[in-house]
Structure formats: structure tokens, C-alpha cells
Protein backbone atom coordinates (compact mmCIF):
# COMPACT_ATOMS: atom_id res chain seq x y z
CA UNK A 1 244.23 87.47 -44.34
CA UNK A 2 244.13 89.26 -47.71
CA UNK A 3 241.63 86.79 -49.28
CA UNK A 4 239.39 87.43 -46.14
CA UNK A 5 239.49 90.85 -46.33
CA UNK A 6 238.45 91.05 -50.11
CA UNK A 7 235.81 88.25 -49.36
CA UNK A 8 234.49 90.47 -46.64
CA UNK A 9 234.49 93.44 -49.08
CA UNK A 10 232.48 91.45 -52.08
CA UNK A 11 229.97 90.41 -49.51
CA UNK A 12 229.19 93.77 -48.18
CA UNK A 13 228.73 95.13 -51.27
CA UNK A 14 226.74 92.33 -52.65
CA UNK A 15 228.77 91.24 -55.15
CA UNK A 16 228.60 87.55 -53.99
CA UNK A 17 225.56 85.25 -53.77
CA UNK A 18 225.27 83.61 -50.53
CA UNK A 19 222.16 81.35 -51.26
CA UNK A 20 218.66 81.62 -52.97
CA UNK A 21 217.03 84.38 -53.81
CA UNK A 22 214.45 85.68 -50.86
CA UNK A 23 212.67 87.46 -52.98
CA UNK A 24 208.95 87.70 -52.18
CA UNK A 25 206.62 87.59 -55.12
CA UNK A 26 203.23 88.71 -54.83
CA UNK A 27 199.69 88.42 -56.81
CA UNK A 28 196.97 90.77 -57.08
CA UNK A 29 194.43 88.23 -57.07
CA UNK A 30 195.21 85.64 -55.01
CA UNK A 31 193.61 86.62 -51.59
CA UNK A 32 189.78 86.97 -53.00
CA UNK A 33 187.33 84.54 -55.14
CA UNK A 34 186.75 86.38 -58.16
CA UNK A 35 183.42 85.40 -59.78
CA UNK A 36 182.14 86.62 -63.42
CA UNK A 37 179.07 88.75 -63.19
CA UNK A 38 177.30 90.06 -66.17
CA UNK A 39 176.58 93.61 -66.50
CA UNK A 40 174.24 93.77 -69.32
CA UNK A 41 176.86 94.80 -71.72
CA UNK A 42 178.45 92.31 -74.11
CA UNK A 43 182.41 92.65 -74.06
CA UNK A 44 184.45 91.39 -76.67
CA UNK A 45 187.66 92.27 -74.55
CA UNK A 46 189.49 94.06 -71.34
CA UNK A 47 192.75 95.59 -72.15
CA UNK A 48 195.10 97.24 -69.66
CA UNK A 49 197.85 99.56 -70.19
CA UNK A 50 200.19 101.50 -67.83
CA UNK A 51 202.71 104.37 -68.07
CA UNK A 52 206.06 103.47 -68.26
CA UNK A 53 206.97 104.23 -64.43
CA UNK A 54 204.49 101.50 -63.92
CA UNK A 55 205.63 98.88 -66.45
CA UNK A 56 207.47 97.01 -64.21
CA UNK A 57 207.02 94.00 -61.42
CA UNK A 58 208.90 96.26 -58.85
CA UNK A 59 206.59 97.06 -56.04
CA UNK A 60 206.84 100.93 -55.50
CA UNK A 61 206.25 102.79 -52.70
CA UNK A 62 206.61 106.90 -51.38
CA UNK A 63 207.58 108.26 -48.11
CA UNK A 64 205.57 111.12 -48.36
CA UNK A 65 206.31 112.42 -44.98
CA UNK A 66 210.11 112.84 -46.04
CA UNK A 67 210.68 112.37 -49.72
CA UNK A 68 207.44 113.61 -51.37
CA UNK A 69 206.76 112.13 -54.96
CA UNK A 70 210.04 110.39 -55.10
CA UNK A 71 209.04 106.80 -56.03
CA UNK A 72 211.29 103.94 -54.40
CA UNK A 73 211.02 99.91 -55.10
CA UNK A 74 211.46 97.37 -52.39
CA UNK A 75 214.64 95.30 -52.62
CA UNK A 76 213.09 91.96 -51.65
CA UNK A 77 209.44 92.07 -53.04
CA UNK A 78 208.05 91.79 -56.54
CA UNK A 79 204.41 91.35 -58.45
CA UNK A 80 204.55 88.04 -60.30
CA UNK A 81 203.93 89.70 -63.47
CA UNK A 82 203.67 93.45 -64.63
CA UNK A 83 200.94 95.46 -62.78
CA UNK A 84 198.88 96.06 -65.83
CA UNK A 85 198.90 92.39 -66.88
CA UNK A 86 197.82 91.39 -63.09
CA UNK A 87 194.64 93.76 -63.29
CA UNK A 88 193.83 92.87 -66.45
CA UNK A 89 193.43 89.29 -65.77
CA UNK A 90 191.54 90.09 -62.53
CA UNK A 91 189.07 92.18 -64.99
CA UNK A 92 188.92 89.71 -67.24
CA UNK A 93 187.91 87.23 -64.49
CA UNK A 94 185.39 89.41 -63.34
CA UNK A 95 183.66 90.94 -66.43
CA UNK A 96 184.33 88.14 -69.05
CA UNK A 97 182.52 84.66 -69.11
CA UNK A 98 185.13 83.09 -70.77
CA UNK A 99 188.31 85.40 -71.02
CA UNK A 100 189.86 82.71 -73.26
CA UNK A 101 187.68 83.10 -76.13
CA UNK A 102 187.36 85.98 -78.40
CA UNK A 103 183.98 86.94 -78.77
CA UNK A 104 182.51 87.79 -82.38
CA UNK A 105 180.79 90.77 -81.20
CA UNK A 106 180.97 92.93 -78.33
CA UNK A 107 182.06 96.14 -76.91
CA UNK A 108 185.96 96.93 -76.02
CA UNK A 109 186.84 97.86 -72.33
CA UNK A 110 190.33 99.97 -72.28
CA UNK A 111 191.66 100.85 -68.85
CA UNK A 112 194.75 103.06 -68.23
CA UNK A 113 196.47 102.26 -65.12
CA UNK A 114 197.40 105.67 -63.86
CA UNK A 115 198.53 104.60 -60.21
CA UNK A 116 199.78 101.95 -58.02
CA UNK A 117 201.95 102.72 -55.26
CA UNK A 118 202.10 102.29 -51.57
CA UNK A 119 202.42 105.99 -49.85
CA UNK A 120 203.55 106.27 -46.25
CA UNK A 121 202.02 109.17 -44.60
CA UNK A 122 204.23 108.43 -41.56
CA UNK A 123 206.80 105.75 -40.54
CA UNK A 124 204.70 102.35 -40.34
CA UNK A 125 201.81 104.00 -41.92
CA UNK A 126 200.60 103.55 -45.32
CA UNK A 127 197.98 103.87 -48.00
CA UNK A 128 197.64 101.65 -50.96
CA UNK A 129 196.75 104.04 -53.71
CA UNK A 130 195.18 102.63 -56.83
CA UNK A 131 193.72 105.03 -60.11
CA UNK A 132 192.54 103.65 -63.32
CA UNK A 133 190.79 105.50 -66.40
CA UNK A 134 188.30 103.48 -68.03
CA UNK A 135 186.37 104.01 -71.56
CA UNK A 136 184.24 101.86 -73.16
CA UNK A 137 184.30 101.61 -77.22
CA UNK A 138 181.96 100.41 -79.65
CA UNK A 139 182.50 97.23 -82.00
CA UNK A 140 182.22 99.20 -85.34
CA UNK A 141 184.77 102.44 -85.50
CA UNK A 142 185.95 102.31 -82.31
CA UNK A 143 183.73 104.81 -81.56
CA UNK A 144 184.10 106.08 -77.67
CA UNK A 145 180.54 105.38 -75.60
CA UNK A 146 181.40 106.50 -72.07
CA UNK A 147 184.36 106.89 -69.86
CA UNK A 148 185.23 106.93 -66.23
CA UNK A 149 188.07 107.42 -63.54
CA UNK A 150 188.09 105.51 -60.38
CA UNK A 151 190.55 105.95 -57.62
CA UNK A 152 190.78 104.02 -54.25
CA UNK A 153 192.82 104.16 -51.18
CA UNK A 154 193.00 101.56 -48.31
CA UNK A 155 195.25 101.35 -45.33
CA UNK A 156 198.28 99.23 -46.10
CA UNK A 157 200.40 98.79 -43.11
CA UNK A 158 203.82 99.11 -42.69
CA UNK A 159 205.95 96.81 -44.89
CA UNK A 160 205.67 95.27 -48.63
CA UNK A 161 203.53 92.19 -47.49
CA UNK A 162 200.99 94.58 -46.03
CA UNK A 163 201.07 96.81 -49.05
CA UNK A 164 200.63 93.90 -51.19
CA UNK A 165 197.50 92.56 -49.58
CA UNK A 166 196.18 96.16 -49.64
CA UNK A 167 196.62 96.51 -53.00
CA UNK A 168 195.28 93.07 -53.95
CA UNK A 169 192.05 94.16 -51.68
CA UNK A 170 191.82 97.19 -53.69
CA UNK A 171 192.35 95.67 -57.31
CA UNK A 172 189.11 93.21 -56.32
CA UNK A 173 186.92 96.17 -55.00
CA UNK A 174 187.99 98.06 -58.17
CA UNK A 175 186.89 95.01 -60.35
CA UNK A 176 183.32 95.34 -58.52
CA UNK A 177 183.15 98.96 -58.92
CA UNK A 178 183.79 98.90 -62.95
CA UNK A 179 181.22 96.05 -62.96
CA UNK A 180 178.57 98.42 -61.18
CA UNK A 181 179.46 101.17 -63.39
CA UNK A 182 178.79 99.08 -66.62
CA UNK A 183 175.27 97.80 -65.34
CA UNK A 184 174.60 101.11 -64.25
CA UNK A 185 175.19 102.36 -68.16
CA UNK A 186 173.05 99.28 -69.09
CA UNK A 187 170.05 100.38 -66.95
CA UNK A 188 170.29 104.18 -67.84
CA UNK A 189 171.08 103.81 -71.41
CA UNK A 190 170.03 100.51 -72.80
CA UNK A 191 170.81 101.62 -76.56
CA UNK A 192 174.39 100.85 -75.09
CA UNK A 193 173.56 97.19 -75.08
CA UNK A 194 172.30 97.23 -78.76
CA UNK A 195 175.65 99.02 -79.73
CA UNK A 196 177.66 96.23 -78.07
CA UNK A 197 175.52 93.49 -79.39
CA UNK A 198 176.32 94.88 -82.95
CA UNK A 199 178.71 92.93 -85.07
């Protein structure tokens, strides 16, 4: 009887494993076909960085209707890698002809991941929030050529699965928006093409 009570206590506090992990793992780019597209500006590389609170594979959410800005994390849902790494891979696939080849010439696109969270406005109703700050740098001297902030919000359902799908869709849309921005720079300031083609 005593052994049974101890086992029951251990199970209730999660100290005993009862089987394989049930953690679901999500990728931001699995739900959409990403095709590379030329913006006219030659890019050598795309680099994505994130602040310390987003440098984790945990899927984060906020209960804005209850706890305001306090962040929580799902216990049984994870990204397959750090969000910055997943976003970098997606942007490389969209913007680079061959992300595996480091080009001898081309500008560098740096991206700061400022926000990635599922925010609940009410029980069962949430939004996927994604915000990045981009900066285009010249091949020589790392001179800043242009910068822009992108912010997206999409309906994200009531759970981690719906949130992951919404963030994946927002990430894909964001990659297209960045490509369109670079194409606009090329059309409006063609001298940037000459700067990015300089070795």
C-alpha cells in the first residue's frame, strides 16, 4: 500500500516517465512550397538573429486578455529548431538561388527577429504575431544601404497546432514581402544593383 501511494505521488508530479514523449514538433516552412525568386539585387547571404527570449525552440504564447505581456510556453509543442534558424532557412530558399553556395560577390541581408508569438485576445481566439527588422549591407565595408521593418498578424485559432500553422503561413508571406521590398529597391534605386554586384 505504501509503495502504491509513493508511485501515485511520483506520477502526479511528473517524476516518472510513462512512455514515449508526446511533444509535437513543427516547422515553419513545411506547409508551403517555397520557390526562389530574383529581386534584381545580388545577395551573398541572408542572416537572421533573435533576442535571447526567442532563442529557444519552445512555442510561446500570451494570454493578453488575462496576463497581459507575460509569456508562456506550450508543454507539448516545440519548433524543430530555433525560430531564427527556421526563418533564415525559409528566407534563403526564397531569396538565394543556391543557399548552399557562398557567392564571391553580393550584398548581405541581415534580419532581426523582434517578435514571434501566439497572442490570445480571448479564450479560444488568438493571433500569430511576427515582426522582423531587415537591413541591406554593401559587400565592401559593410555599409548600410537600406532598412525596413515588417510586421504581420494572422488569425491563429485556439491551440498550438493552429498557432504553428498560422505562424508558418505568416513566415511564408513575410518572405514574399521581403522579396517584393528588394525588387522595389532595385527598380527605384538601380545603383544598388551596382553596389551589390561589386566584389
